[in-house]
Amino acid sequence: MKHIQDYYAALLGEFEQVVLLSLLRLGNGTFGAAIRRDIQERIGRELPVSVVYVTLTRMEKKGFVKSYVGEPTKKRGGRRRRHYLIDTPGEHALGRSYRALRRMSEGLEDRLALL
C-alpha cells in the first residue's frame, strides 16, 4: 500500500509538468515571473501571477524544486528575488510523466491532431 501511495504522490499534475518544463528550458536559477512569461508565450494565454508561485511552492513541499533568495538589486529597489531550480526528484518525476504521456499517446497521433 505504501508503494502505491508513494507512486501517486510522485505523479505530476498537468500544470506542474508545464512549470517544470519551463524551468528546465529557462535553466536553474530562474525566477517565477520569467517562468510565467515563458508559459504564457508558449500556451498563448494569460495566467494569474499567483498560479505559478502556488505551483512552485507546492512542488517545493513535495521536494521537486528548491528555491533560494538572491541578493538585493538596485533595479528591484533593493528587493531580493526568489530563484528556483529543479531538484533530482523533480527531474525524475518529469521524466516519468514525459515517458508515460509518450507511451499513452503512441498510435493516437492522427486522432490527437484532430482535437
PDB file of N, CA and C in Angstrom:
ATOM      1  N   MET A   1       0.831  -1.200   0.000  1.00  0.00           N
ATOM      2  CA  MET A   1       0.000   0.000   0.000  1.00  0.00           C
ATOM      3  C   MET A   1       0.872   1.260   0.000  1.00  0.00           C
ATOM      4  N   LYS A   2       1.947   1.259   0.786  1.00  0.00           N
ATOM      5  CA  LYS A   2       2.824   2.425   0.856  1.00  0.00           C
ATOM      6  C   LYS A   2       3.424   2.720  -0.514  1.00  0.00           C
ATOM      7  N   HIS A   3       3.819   1.669  -1.241  1.00  0.00           N
ATOM      8  CA  HIS A   3       4.406   1.854  -2.575  1.00  0.00           C
ATOM      9  C   HIS A   3       3.419   2.558  -3.507  1.00  0.00           C
ATOM     10  N   ILE A   4       2.159   2.167  -3.461  1.00  0.00           N
ATOM     11  CA  ILE A   4       1.133   2.786  -4.303  1.00  0.00           C
ATOM     12  C   ILE A   4       0.940   4.244  -3.911  1.00  0.00           C
ATOM     13  N   GLN A   5       0.922   4.530  -2.614  1.00  0.00           N
ATOM     14  CA  GLN A   5       0.780   5.914  -2.151  1.00  0.00           C
ATOM     15  C   GLN A   5       1.965   6.752  -2.613  1.00  0.00           C
ATOM     16  N   ASP A   6       3.177   6.203  -2.512  1.00  0.00           N
ATOM     17  CA  ASP A   6       4.369   6.924  -2.961  1.00  0.00           C
ATOM     18  C   ASP A   6       4.307   7.195  -4.458  1.00  0.00           C
ATOM     19  N   TYR A   7       3.825   6.216  -5.226  1.00  0.00           N
ATOM     20  CA  TYR A   7       3.731   6.373  -6.674  1.00  0.00           C
ATOM     21  C   TYR A   7       2.796   7.527  -7.023  1.00  0.00           C
ATOM     22  N   TYR A   8       1.612   7.545  -6.437  1.00  0.00           N
ATOM     23  CA  TYR A   8       0.648   8.595  -6.756  1.00  0.00           C
ATOM     24  C   TYR A   8       1.089   9.950  -6.209  1.00  0.00           C
ATOM     25  N   ALA A   9       1.799   9.955  -5.100  1.00  0.00           N
ATOM     26  CA  ALA A   9       2.311  11.221  -4.561  1.00  0.00           C
ATOM     27  C   ALA A   9       3.349  11.823  -5.501  1.00  0.00           C
ATOM     28  N   ALA A  10       4.042  10.958  -6.259  1.00  0.00           N
ATOM     29  CA  ALA A  10       5.086  11.436  -7.166  1.00  0.00           C
ATOM     30  C   ALA A  10       4.547  11.828  -8.535  1.00  0.00           C
ATOM     31  N   LEU A  11       3.267  11.565  -8.814  1.00  0.00           N
ATOM     32  CA  LEU A  11       2.701  11.952 -10.100  1.00  0.00           C
ATOM     33  C   LEU A  11       2.585  13.469 -10.184  1.00  0.00           C
ATOM     34  N   LEU A  12       2.844  13.984 -11.348  1.00  0.00           N
ATOM     35  CA  LEU A  12       2.749  15.422 -11.566  1.00  0.00           C
ATOM     36  C   LEU A  12       1.411  15.769 -12.190  1.00  0.00           C
ATOM     37  N   GLY A  13       0.826  16.854 -11.733  1.00  0.00           N
ATOM     38  CA  GLY A  13      -0.349  17.389 -12.393  1.00  0.00           C
ATOM     39  C   GLY A  13       0.064  18.066 -13.689  1.00  0.00           C
ATOM     40  N   GLU A  14      -0.910  18.352 -14.530  1.00  0.00           N
ATOM     41  CA  GLU A  14      -0.619  18.946 -15.836  1.00  0.00           C
ATOM     42  C   GLU A  14       0.139  20.267 -15.703  1.00  0.00           C
ATOM     43  N   PHE A  15      -0.322  21.150 -14.815  1.00  0.00           N
ATOM     44  CA  PHE A  15       0.356  22.442 -14.713  1.00  0.00           C
ATOM     45  C   PHE A  15       1.722  22.303 -14.051  1.00  0.00           C
ATOM     46  N   GLU A  16       1.869  21.341 -13.143  1.00  0.00           N
ATOM     47  CA  GLU A  16       3.192  21.087 -12.568  1.00  0.00           C
ATOM     48  C   GLU A  16       4.163  20.677 -13.669  1.00  0.00           C
ATOM     49  N   GLN A  17       3.704  19.851 -14.599  1.00  0.00           N
ATOM     50  CA  GLN A  17       4.553  19.462 -15.727  1.00  0.00           C
ATOM     51  C   GLN A  17       4.952  20.683 -16.547  1.00  0.00           C
ATOM     52  N   VAL A  18       3.994  21.552 -16.811  1.00  0.00           N
ATOM     53  CA  VAL A  18       4.252  22.754 -17.608  1.00  0.00           C
ATOM     54  C   VAL A  18       5.283  23.642 -16.912  1.00  0.00           C
ATOM     55  N   VAL A  19       5.140  23.827 -15.611  1.00  0.00           N
ATOM     56  CA  VAL A  19       6.078  24.671 -14.859  1.00  0.00           C
ATOM     57  C   VAL A  19       7.471  24.046 -14.863  1.00  0.00           C
ATOM     58  N   LEU A  20       7.557  22.739 -14.639  1.00  0.00           N
ATOM     59  CA  LEU A  20       8.868  22.089 -14.651  1.00  0.00           C
ATOM     60  C   LEU A  20       9.507  22.134 -16.036  1.00  0.00           C
ATOM     61  N   LEU A  21       8.715  21.971 -17.082  1.00  0.00           N
ATOM     62  CA  LEU A  21       9.264  22.076 -18.440  1.00  0.00           C
ATOM     63  C   LEU A  21       9.809  23.477 -18.703  1.00  0.00           C
ATOM     64  N   SER A  22       9.098  24.484 -18.234  1.00  0.00           N
ATOM     65  CA  SER A  22       9.567  25.858 -18.401  1.00  0.00           C
ATOM     66  C   SER A  22      10.860  26.081 -17.620  1.00  0.00           C
ATOM     67  N   LEU A  23      10.897  25.591 -16.398  1.00  0.00           N
ATOM     68  CA  LEU A  23      12.102  25.732 -15.574  1.00  0.00           C
ATOM     69  C   LEU A  23      13.274  24.991 -16.214  1.00  0.00           C
ATOM     70  N   LEU A  24      13.015  23.831 -16.778  1.00  0.00           N
ATOM     71  CA  LEU A  24      14.058  23.081 -17.478  1.00  0.00           C
ATOM     72  C   LEU A  24      14.569  23.876 -18.680  1.00  0.00           C
ATOM     73  N   ARG A  25      13.651  24.498 -19.419  1.00  0.00           N
ATOM     74  CA  ARG A  25      14.009  25.282 -20.599  1.00  0.00           C
ATOM     75  C   ARG A  25      14.812  26.532 -20.214  1.00  0.00           C
ATOM     76  N   LEU A  26      14.363  27.237 -19.183  1.00  0.00           N
ATOM     77  CA  LEU A  26      14.987  28.505 -18.803  1.00  0.00           C
ATOM     78  C   LEU A  26      16.271  28.309 -18.010  1.00  0.00           C
ATOM     79  N   GLY A  27      16.403  27.186 -17.366  1.00  0.00           N
ATOM     80  CA  GLY A  27      17.609  26.890 -16.600  1.00  0.00           C
ATOM     81  C   GLY A  27      17.430  27.154 -15.116  1.00  0.00           C
ATOM     82  N   ASN A  28      18.177  26.396 -14.339  1.00  0.00           N
ATOM     83  CA  ASN A  28      18.115  26.558 -12.897  1.00  0.00           C
ATOM     84  C   ASN A  28      18.540  27.958 -12.495  1.00  0.00           C
ATOM     85  N   GLY A  29      17.873  28.484 -11.488  1.00  0.00           N
ATOM     86  CA  GLY A  29      18.170  29.822 -11.003  1.00  0.00           C
ATOM     87  C   GLY A  29      17.233  30.872 -11.555  1.00  0.00           C
ATOM     88  N   THR A  30      16.280  30.464 -12.371  1.00  0.00           N
ATOM     89  CA  THR A  30      15.334  31.430 -12.919  1.00  0.00           C
ATOM     90  C   THR A  30      14.301  31.792 -11.859  1.00  0.00           C
ATOM     91  N   PHE A  31      13.504  32.786 -12.122  1.00  0.00           N
ATOM     92  CA  PHE A  31      12.538  33.279 -11.139  1.00  0.00           C
ATOM     93  C   PHE A  31      11.122  33.127 -11.674  1.00  0.00           C
ATOM     94  N   GLY A  32      10.153  33.229 -10.775  1.00  0.00           N
ATOM     95  CA  GLY A  32       8.756  32.956 -11.091  1.00  0.00           C
ATOM     96  C   GLY A  32       8.191  33.776 -12.231  1.00  0.00           C
ATOM     97  N   ALA A  33       8.520  35.062 -12.287  1.00  0.00           N
ATOM     98  CA  ALA A  33       7.968  35.916 -13.344  1.00  0.00           C
ATOM     99  C   ALA A  33       8.445  35.462 -14.724  1.00  0.00           C
ATOM    100  N   ALA A  34       9.694  35.013 -14.826  1.00  0.00           N
ATOM    101  CA  ALA A  34      10.213  34.525 -16.107  1.00  0.00           C
ATOM    102  C   ALA A  34       9.526  33.220 -16.504  1.00  0.00           C
ATOM    103  N   ILE A  35       9.260  32.362 -15.528  1.00  0.00           N
ATOM    104  CA  ILE A  35       8.549  31.108 -15.797  1.00  0.00           C
ATOM    105  C   ILE A  35       7.146  31.425 -16.301  1.00  0.00           C
ATOM    106  N   ARG A  36       6.472  32.332 -15.630  1.00  0.00           N
ATOM    107  CA  ARG A  36       5.115  32.728 -16.031  1.00  0.00           C
ATOM    108  C   ARG A  36       5.108  33.276 -17.462  1.00  0.00           C
ATOM    109  N   ARG A  37       6.056  34.150 -17.766  1.00  0.00           N
ATOM    110  CA  ARG A  37       6.146  34.757 -19.099  1.00  0.00           C
ATOM    111  C   ARG A  37       6.393  33.679 -20.169  1.00  0.00           C
ATOM    112  N   ASP A  38       7.288  32.743 -19.879  1.00  0.00           N
ATOM    113  CA  ASP A  38       7.588  31.663 -20.820  1.00  0.00           C
ATOM    114  C   ASP A  38       6.345  30.820 -21.090  1.00  0.00           C
ATOM    115  N   ILE A  39       5.632  30.468 -20.040  1.00  0.00           N
ATOM    116  CA  ILE A  39       4.426  29.650 -20.198  1.00  0.00           C
ATOM    117  C   ILE A  39       3.370  30.408 -20.997  1.00  0.00           C
ATOM    118  N   GLN A  40       3.161  31.670 -20.662  1.00  0.00           N
ATOM    119  CA  GLN A  40       2.159  32.476 -21.379  1.00  0.00           C
ATOM    120  C   GLN A  40       2.469  32.553 -22.863  1.00  0.00           C
ATOM    121  N   GLU A  41       3.742  32.754 -23.196  1.00  0.00           N
ATOM    122  CA  GLU A  41       4.133  32.847 -24.604  1.00  0.00           C
ATOM    123  C   GLU A  41       3.914  31.531 -25.334  1.00  0.00           C
ATOM    124  N   ARG A  42       4.144  30.431 -24.653  1.00  0.00           N
ATOM    125  CA  ARG A  42       4.061  29.122 -25.304  1.00  0.00           C
ATOM    126  C   ARG A  42       2.640  28.592 -25.388  1.00  0.00           C
ATOM    127  N   ILE A  43       1.799  28.879 -24.386  1.00  0.00           N
ATOM    128  CA  ILE A  43       0.427  28.362 -24.441  1.00  0.00           C
ATOM    129  C   ILE A  43      -0.550  29.394 -24.978  1.00  0.00           C
ATOM    130  N   GLY A  44      -0.106  30.642 -25.086  1.00  0.00           N
ATOM    131  CA  GLY A  44      -0.926  31.669 -25.711  1.00  0.00           C
ATOM    132  C   GLY A  44      -2.097  32.166 -24.891  1.00  0.00           C
ATOM    133  N   ARG A  45      -1.937  32.173 -23.569  1.00  0.00           N
ATOM    134  CA  ARG A  45      -2.998  32.759 -22.747  1.00  0.00           C
ATOM    135  C   ARG A  45      -2.405  33.335 -21.471  1.00  0.00           C
ATOM    136  N   GLU A  46      -3.127  34.295 -20.911  1.00  0.00           N
ATOM    137  CA  GLU A  46      -2.688  34.959 -19.686  1.00  0.00           C
ATOM    138  C   GLU A  46      -2.858  34.033 -18.485  1.00  0.00           C
ATOM    139  N   LEU A  47      -1.934  34.136 -17.551  1.00  0.00           N
ATOM    140  CA  LEU A  47      -2.011  33.377 -16.307  1.00  0.00           C
ATOM    141  C   LEU A  47      -2.015  34.343 -15.138  1.00  0.00           C
ATOM    142  N   PRO A  48      -2.819  34.074 -14.123  1.00  0.00           N
ATOM    143  CA  PRO A  48      -2.720  34.892 -12.912  1.00  0.00           C
ATOM    144  C   PRO A  48      -1.316  34.735 -12.322  1.00  0.00           C
ATOM    145  N   VAL A  49      -0.783  35.796 -11.771  1.00  0.00           N
ATOM    146  CA  VAL A  49       0.565  35.767 -11.196  1.00  0.00           C
ATOM    147  C   VAL A  49       0.676  34.663 -10.150  1.00  0.00           C
ATOM    148  N   SER A  50      -0.360  34.531  -9.342  1.00  0.00           N
ATOM    149  CA  SER A  50      -0.294  33.602  -8.214  1.00  0.00           C
ATOM    150  C   SER A  50      -0.203  32.141  -8.631  1.00  0.00           C
ATOM    151  N   VAL A  51      -0.725  31.776  -9.791  1.00  0.00           N
ATOM    152  CA  VAL A  51      -0.808  30.359 -10.146  1.00  0.00           C
ATOM    153  C   VAL A  51       0.574  29.718 -10.262  1.00  0.00           C
ATOM    154  N   VAL A  52       1.547  30.427 -10.787  1.00  0.00           N
ATOM    155  CA  VAL A  52       2.899  29.880 -10.909  1.00  0.00           C
ATOM    156  C   VAL A  52       3.535  29.752  -9.530  1.00  0.00           C
ATOM    157  N   TYR A  53       3.383  30.772  -8.694  1.00  0.00           N
ATOM    158  CA  TYR A  53       4.004  30.735  -7.369  1.00  0.00           C
ATOM    159  C   TYR A  53       3.367  29.685  -6.469  1.00  0.00           C
ATOM    160  N   VAL A  54       2.063  29.520  -6.547  1.00  0.00           N
ATOM    161  CA  VAL A  54       1.388  28.479  -5.764  1.00  0.00           C
ATOM    162  C   VAL A  54       1.902  27.104  -6.194  1.00  0.00           C
ATOM    163  N   THR A  55       2.044  26.913  -7.493  1.00  0.00           N
ATOM    164  CA  THR A  55       2.531  25.635  -8.015  1.00  0.00           C
ATOM    165  C   THR A  55       3.980  25.398  -7.605  1.00  0.00           C
ATOM    166  N   LEU A  56       4.820  26.419  -7.693  1.00  0.00           N
ATOM    167  CA  LEU A  56       6.219  26.279  -7.276  1.00  0.00           C
ATOM    168  C   LEU A  56       6.314  25.948  -5.789  1.00  0.00           C
ATOM    169  N   THR A  57       5.501  26.603  -4.967  1.00  0.00           N
ATOM    170  CA  THR A  57       5.505  26.339  -3.524  1.00  0.00           C
ATOM    171  C   THR A  57       5.079  24.902  -3.244  1.00  0.00           C
ATOM    172  N   ARG A  58       4.022  24.438  -3.916  1.00  0.00           N
ATOM    173  CA  ARG A  58       3.545  23.065  -3.737  1.00  0.00           C
ATOM    174  C   ARG A  58       4.632  22.065  -4.148  1.00  0.00           C
ATOM    175  N   MET A  59       5.305  22.332  -5.264  1.00  0.00           N
ATOM    176  CA  MET A  59       6.342  21.410  -5.720  1.00  0.00           C
ATOM    177  C   MET A  59       7.572  21.460  -4.819  1.00  0.00           C
ATOM    178  N   GLU A  60       7.820  22.603  -4.206  1.00  0.00           N
ATOM    179  CA  GLU A  60       8.928  22.685  -3.256  1.00  0.00           C
ATOM    180  C   GLU A  60       8.624  21.823  -2.031  1.00  0.00           C
ATOM    181  N   LYS A  61       7.385  21.841  -1.575  1.00  0.00           N
ATOM    182  CA  LYS A  61       6.985  20.997  -0.439  1.00  0.00           C
ATOM    183  C   LYS A  61       7.103  19.518  -0.785  1.00  0.00           C
ATOM    184  N   LYS A  62       6.858  19.167  -2.043  1.00  0.00           N
ATOM    185  CA  LYS A  62       6.983  17.777  -2.493  1.00  0.00           C
ATOM    186  C   LYS A  62       8.445  17.381  -2.698  1.00  0.00           C
ATOM    187  N   GLY A  63       9.352  18.356  -2.716  1.00  0.00           N
ATOM    188  CA  GLY A  63      10.764  18.076  -2.940  1.00  0.00           C
ATOM    189  C   GLY A  63      11.165  18.063  -4.402  1.00  0.00           C
ATOM    190  N   PHE A  64      10.287  18.553  -5.291  1.00  0.00           N
ATOM    191  CA  PHE A  64      10.582  18.560  -6.721  1.00  0.00           C
ATOM    192  C   PHE A  64      11.414  19.768  -7.141  1.00  0.00           C
ATOM    193  N   VAL A  65      11.268  20.873  -6.462  1.00  0.00           N
ATOM    194  CA  VAL A  65      12.059  22.073  -6.748  1.00  0.00           C
ATOM    195  C   VAL A  65      12.638  22.608  -5.443  1.00  0.00           C
ATOM    196  N   LYS A  66      13.685  23.375  -5.581  1.00  0.00           N
ATOM    197  CA  LYS A  66      14.281  24.106  -4.462  1.00  0.00           C
ATOM    198  C   LYS A  66      14.285  25.575  -4.848  1.00  0.00           C
ATOM    199  N   SER A  67      14.389  26.421  -3.849  1.00  0.00           N
ATOM    200  CA  SER A  67      14.481  27.853  -4.141  1.00  0.00           C
ATOM    201  C   SER A  67      15.504  28.490  -3.217  1.00  0.00           C
ATOM    202  N   TYR A  68      15.985  29.623  -3.647  1.00  0.00           N
ATOM    203  CA  TYR A  68      16.868  30.430  -2.810  1.00  0.00           C
ATOM    204  C   TYR A  68      16.589  31.891  -3.116  1.00  0.00           C
ATOM    205  N   VAL A  69      16.905  32.732  -2.157  1.00  0.00           N
ATOM    206  CA  VAL A  69      16.683  34.167  -2.317  1.00  0.00           C
ATOM    207  C   VAL A  69      18.003  34.803  -2.713  1.00  0.00           C
ATOM    208  N   GLY A  70      17.979  35.529  -3.827  1.00  0.00           N
ATOM    209  CA  GLY A  70      19.177  36.181  -4.332  1.00  0.00           C
ATOM    210  C   GLY A  70      19.485  37.472  -3.584  1.00  0.00           C
ATOM    211  N   GLU A  71      20.519  38.101  -4.006  1.00  0.00           N
ATOM    212  CA  GLU A  71      20.942  39.368  -3.411  1.00  0.00           C
ATOM    213  C   GLU A  71      20.013  40.498  -3.842  1.00  0.00           C
ATOM    214  N   PRO A  72      19.862  41.516  -2.995  1.00  0.00           N
ATOM    215  CA  PRO A  72      19.052  42.672  -3.401  1.00  0.00           C
ATOM    216  C   PRO A  72      19.720  43.399  -4.574  1.00  0.00           C
ATOM    217  N   THR A  73      18.902  43.964  -5.440  1.00  0.00           N
ATOM    218  CA  THR A  73      19.441  44.699  -6.583  1.00  0.00           C
ATOM    219  C   THR A  73      18.848  46.101  -6.623  1.00  0.00           C
ATOM    220  N   LYS A  74      19.613  47.024  -7.174  1.00  0.00           N
ATOM    221  CA  LYS A  74      19.116  48.394  -7.333  1.00  0.00           C
ATOM    222  C   LYS A  74      17.929  48.422  -8.281  1.00  0.00           C
ATOM    223  N   LYS A  75      17.998  47.602  -9.321  1.00  0.00           N
ATOM    224  CA  LYS A  75      16.928  47.557 -10.314  1.00  0.00           C
ATOM    225  C   LYS A  75      15.589  47.204  -9.669  1.00  0.00           C
ATOM    226  N   ARG A  76      15.628  46.397  -8.618  1.00  0.00           N
ATOM    227  CA  ARG A  76      14.409  45.989  -7.919  1.00  0.00           C
ATOM    228  C   ARG A  76      14.178  46.822  -6.661  1.00  0.00           C
ATOM    229  N   GLY A  77      14.824  47.977  -6.581  1.00  0.00           N
ATOM    230  CA  GLY A  77      14.627  48.853  -5.424  1.00  0.00           C
ATOM    231  C   GLY A  77      15.152  48.251  -4.130  1.00  0.00           C
ATOM    232  N   GLY A  78      16.205  47.460  -4.236  1.00  0.00           N
ATOM    233  CA  GLY A  78      16.792  46.839  -3.060  1.00  0.00           C
ATOM    234  C   GLY A  78      16.101  45.552  -2.625  1.00  0.00           C
ATOM    235  N   ARG A  79      15.107  45.129  -3.390  1.00  0.00           N
ATOM    236  CA  ARG A  79      14.394  43.892  -3.028  1.00  0.00           C
ATOM    237  C   ARG A  79      15.140  42.674  -3.571  1.00  0.00           C
ATOM    238  N   ARG A  80      14.923  41.571  -2.892  1.00  0.00           N
ATOM    239  CA  ARG A  80      15.524  40.301  -3.306  1.00  0.00           C
ATOM    240  C   ARG A  80      14.553  39.539  -4.196  1.00  0.00           C
ATOM    241  N   ARG A  81      15.075  38.656  -4.990  1.00  0.00           N
ATOM    242  CA  ARG A  81      14.259  37.839  -5.891  1.00  0.00           C
ATOM    243  C   ARG A  81      14.478  36.363  -5.537  1.00  0.00           C
ATOM    244  N   ARG A  82      13.386  35.594  -5.517  1.00  0.00           N
ATOM    245  CA  ARG A  82      13.478  34.151  -5.260  1.00  0.00           C
ATOM    246  C   ARG A  82      13.762  33.437  -6.582  1.00  0.00           C
ATOM    247  N   HIS A  83      14.756  32.578  -6.552  1.00  0.00           N
ATOM    248  CA  HIS A  83      15.173  31.803  -7.721  1.00  0.00           C
ATOM    249  C   HIS A  83      14.825  30.334  -7.492  1.00  0.00           C
ATOM    250  N   TYR A  84      14.516  29.629  -8.576  1.00  0.00           N
ATOM    251  CA  TYR A  84      14.076  28.237  -8.481  1.00  0.00           C
ATOM    252  C   TYR A  84      14.969  27.320  -9.297  1.00  0.00           C
ATOM    253  N   LEU A  85      15.095  26.088  -8.823  1.00  0.00           N
ATOM    254  CA  LEU A  85      15.819  25.071  -9.560  1.00  0.00           C
ATOM    255  C   LEU A  85      15.123  23.727  -9.376  1.00  0.00           C
ATOM    256  N   ILE A  86      15.248  22.875 -10.371  1.00  0.00           N
ATOM    257  CA  ILE A  86      14.657  21.543 -10.300  1.00  0.00           C
ATOM    258  C   ILE A  86      15.575  20.664  -9.470  1.00  0.00           C
ATOM    259  N   ASP A  87      15.003  19.993  -8.475  1.00  0.00           N
ATOM    260  CA  ASP A  87      15.762  19.044  -7.669  1.00  0.00           C
ATOM    261  C   ASP A  87      15.670  17.662  -8.324  1.00  0.00           C
ATOM    262  N   THR A  88      16.518  16.746  -7.921  1.00  0.00           N
ATOM    263  CA  THR A  88      16.562  15.417  -8.532  1.00  0.00           C
ATOM    264  C   THR A  88      15.203  14.716  -8.549  1.00  0.00           C
ATOM    265  N   PRO A  89      14.428  14.710  -7.452  1.00  0.00           N
ATOM    266  CA  PRO A  89      13.105  14.071  -7.527  1.00  0.00           C
ATOM    267  C   PRO A  89      12.193  14.728  -8.571  1.00  0.00           C
ATOM    268  N   GLY A  90      12.323  16.025  -8.775  1.00  0.00           N
ATOM    269  CA  GLY A  90      11.542  16.718  -9.794  1.00  0.00           C
ATOM    270  C   GLY A  90      11.949  16.294 -11.194  1.00  0.00           C
ATOM    271  N   GLU A  91      13.255  16.131 -11.404  1.00  0.00           N
ATOM    272  CA  GLU A  91      13.734  15.645 -12.702  1.00  0.00           C
ATOM    273  C   GLU A  91      13.187  14.255 -12.978  1.00  0.00           C
ATOM    274  N   HIS A  92      13.243  13.387 -11.961  1.00  0.00           N
ATOM    275  CA  HIS A  92      12.748  12.020 -12.136  1.00  0.00           C
ATOM    276  C   HIS A  92      11.247  12.010 -12.404  1.00  0.00           C
ATOM    277  N   ALA A  93      10.493  12.805 -11.651  1.00  0.00           N
ATOM    278  CA  ALA A  93       9.038  12.863 -11.836  1.00  0.00           C
ATOM    279  C   ALA A  93       8.690  13.388 -13.226  1.00  0.00           C
ATOM    280  N   LEU A  94       9.399  14.420 -13.686  1.00  0.00           N
ATOM    281  CA  LEU A  94       9.142  14.967 -15.018  1.00  0.00           C
ATOM    282  C   LEU A  94       9.472  13.936 -16.094  1.00  0.00           C
ATOM    283  N   GLY A  95      10.578  13.242 -15.930  1.00  0.00           N
ATOM    284  CA  GLY A  95      10.942  12.196 -16.888  1.00  0.00           C
ATOM    285  C   GLY A  95       9.897  11.090 -16.943  1.00  0.00           C
ATOM    286  N   ARG A  96       9.420  10.656 -15.774  1.00  0.00           N
ATOM    287  CA  ARG A  96       8.378   9.615 -15.738  1.00  0.00           C
ATOM    288  C   ARG A  96       7.104  10.099 -16.413  1.00  0.00           C
ATOM    289  N   SER A  97       6.707  11.328 -16.127  1.00  0.00           N
ATOM    290  CA  SER A  97       5.488  11.881 -16.726  1.00  0.00           C
ATOM    291  C   SER A  97       5.621  11.973 -18.240  1.00  0.00           C
ATOM    292  N   TYR A  98       6.764  12.433 -18.697  1.00  0.00           N
ATOM    293  CA  TYR A  98       7.009  12.568 -20.134  1.00  0.00           C
ATOM    294  C   TYR A  98       6.938  11.206 -20.825  1.00  0.00           C
ATOM    295  N   ARG A  99       7.622  10.218 -20.245  1.00  0.00           N
ATOM    296  CA  ARG A  99       7.623   8.880 -20.848  1.00  0.00           C
ATOM    297  C   ARG A  99       6.232   8.256 -20.827  1.00  0.00           C
ATOM    298  N   ALA A 100       5.496   8.442 -19.740  1.00  0.00           N
ATOM    299  CA  ALA A 100       4.140   7.889 -19.645  1.00  0.00           C
ATOM    300  C   ALA A 100       3.230   8.512 -20.699  1.00  0.00           C
ATOM    301  N   LEU A 101       3.314   9.827 -20.869  1.00  0.00           N
ATOM    302  CA  LEU A 101       2.479  10.501 -21.865  1.00  0.00           C
ATOM    303  C   LEU A 101       2.825  10.030 -23.277  1.00  0.00           C
ATOM    304  N   ARG A 102       4.099   9.873 -23.546  1.00  0.00           N
ATOM    305  CA  ARG A 102       4.514   9.382 -24.874  1.00  0.00           C
ATOM    306  C   ARG A 102       3.997   7.975 -25.123  1.00  0.00           C
ATOM    307  N   ARG A 103       4.108   7.100 -24.113  1.00  0.00           N
ATOM    308  CA  ARG A 103       3.619   5.723 -24.284  1.00  0.00           C
ATOM    309  C   ARG A 103       2.108   5.696 -24.472  1.00  0.00           C
ATOM    310  N   MET A 104       1.403   6.490 -23.696  1.00  0.00           N
ATOM    311  CA  MET A 104      -0.061   6.506 -23.772  1.00  0.00           C
ATOM    312  C   MET A 104      -0.556   7.080 -25.099  1.00  0.00           C
ATOM    313  N   SER A 105       0.221   7.965 -25.711  1.00  0.00           N
ATOM    314  CA  SER A 105      -0.233   8.602 -26.951  1.00  0.00           C
ATOM    315  C   SER A 105       0.247   7.882 -28.210  1.00  0.00           C
ATOM    316  N   GLU A 106       1.074   6.836 -28.046  1.00  0.00           N
ATOM    317  CA  GLU A 106       1.552   6.086 -29.216  1.00  0.00           C
ATOM    318  C   GLU A 106       0.374   5.544 -30.014  1.00  0.00           C
ATOM    319  N   GLY A 107       0.409   5.765 -31.315  1.00  0.00           N
ATOM    320  CA  GLY A 107      -0.641   5.282 -32.198  1.00  0.00           C
ATOM    321  C   GLY A 107      -1.859   6.186 -32.272  1.00  0.00           C
ATOM    322  N   LEU A 108      -1.864   7.249 -31.494  1.00  0.00           N
ATOM    323  CA  LEU A 108      -3.013   8.164 -31.473  1.00  0.00           C
ATOM    324  C   LEU A 108      -2.706   9.506 -32.124  1.00  0.00           C
ATOM    325  N   GLU A 109      -1.553   9.620 -32.758  1.00  0.00           N
ATOM    326  CA  GLU A 109      -1.119  10.900 -33.301  1.00  0.00           C
ATOM    327  C   GLU A 109      -2.152  11.516 -34.232  1.00  0.00           C
ATOM    328  N   ASP A 110      -2.703  10.716 -35.146  1.00  0.00           N
ATOM    329  CA  ASP A 110      -3.694  11.235 -36.100  1.00  0.00           C
ATOM    330  C   ASP A 110      -4.951  11.716 -35.388  1.00  0.00           C
ATOM    331  N   ARG A 111      -5.416  10.945 -34.436  1.00  0.00           N
ATOM    332  CA  ARG A 111      -6.629  11.338 -33.698  1.00  0.00           C
ATOM    333  C   ARG A 111      -6.370  12.570 -32.841  1.00  0.00           C
ATOM    334  N   LEU A 112      -5.210  12.613 -32.200  1.00  0.00           N
ATOM    335  CA  LEU A 112      -4.888  13.760 -31.347  1.00  0.00           C
ATOM    336  C   LEU A 112      -4.729  15.036 -32.162  1.00  0.00           C
ATOM    337  N   ALA A 113      -4.242  14.915 -33.387  1.00  0.00           N
ATOM    338  CA  ALA A 113      -4.073  16.089 -34.250  1.00  0.00           C
ATOM    339  C   ALA A 113      -5.410  16.734 -34.586  1.00  0.00           C
ATOM    340  N   LEU A 114      -6.489  15.976 -34.512  1.00  0.00           N
ATOM    341  CA  LEU A 114      -7.821  16.496 -34.829  1.00  0.00           C
ATOM    342  C   LEU A 114      -8.486  17.172 -33.640  1.00  0.00           C
ATOM    343  N   LEU A 115      -7.947  16.990 -32.463  1.00  0.00           N
ATOM    344  CA  LEU A 115      -8.581  17.552 -31.258  1.00  0.00           C
ATOM    345  C   LEU A 115      -8.301  19.032 -31.118  1.00  0.00           C
TER     346      LEU A 115
END
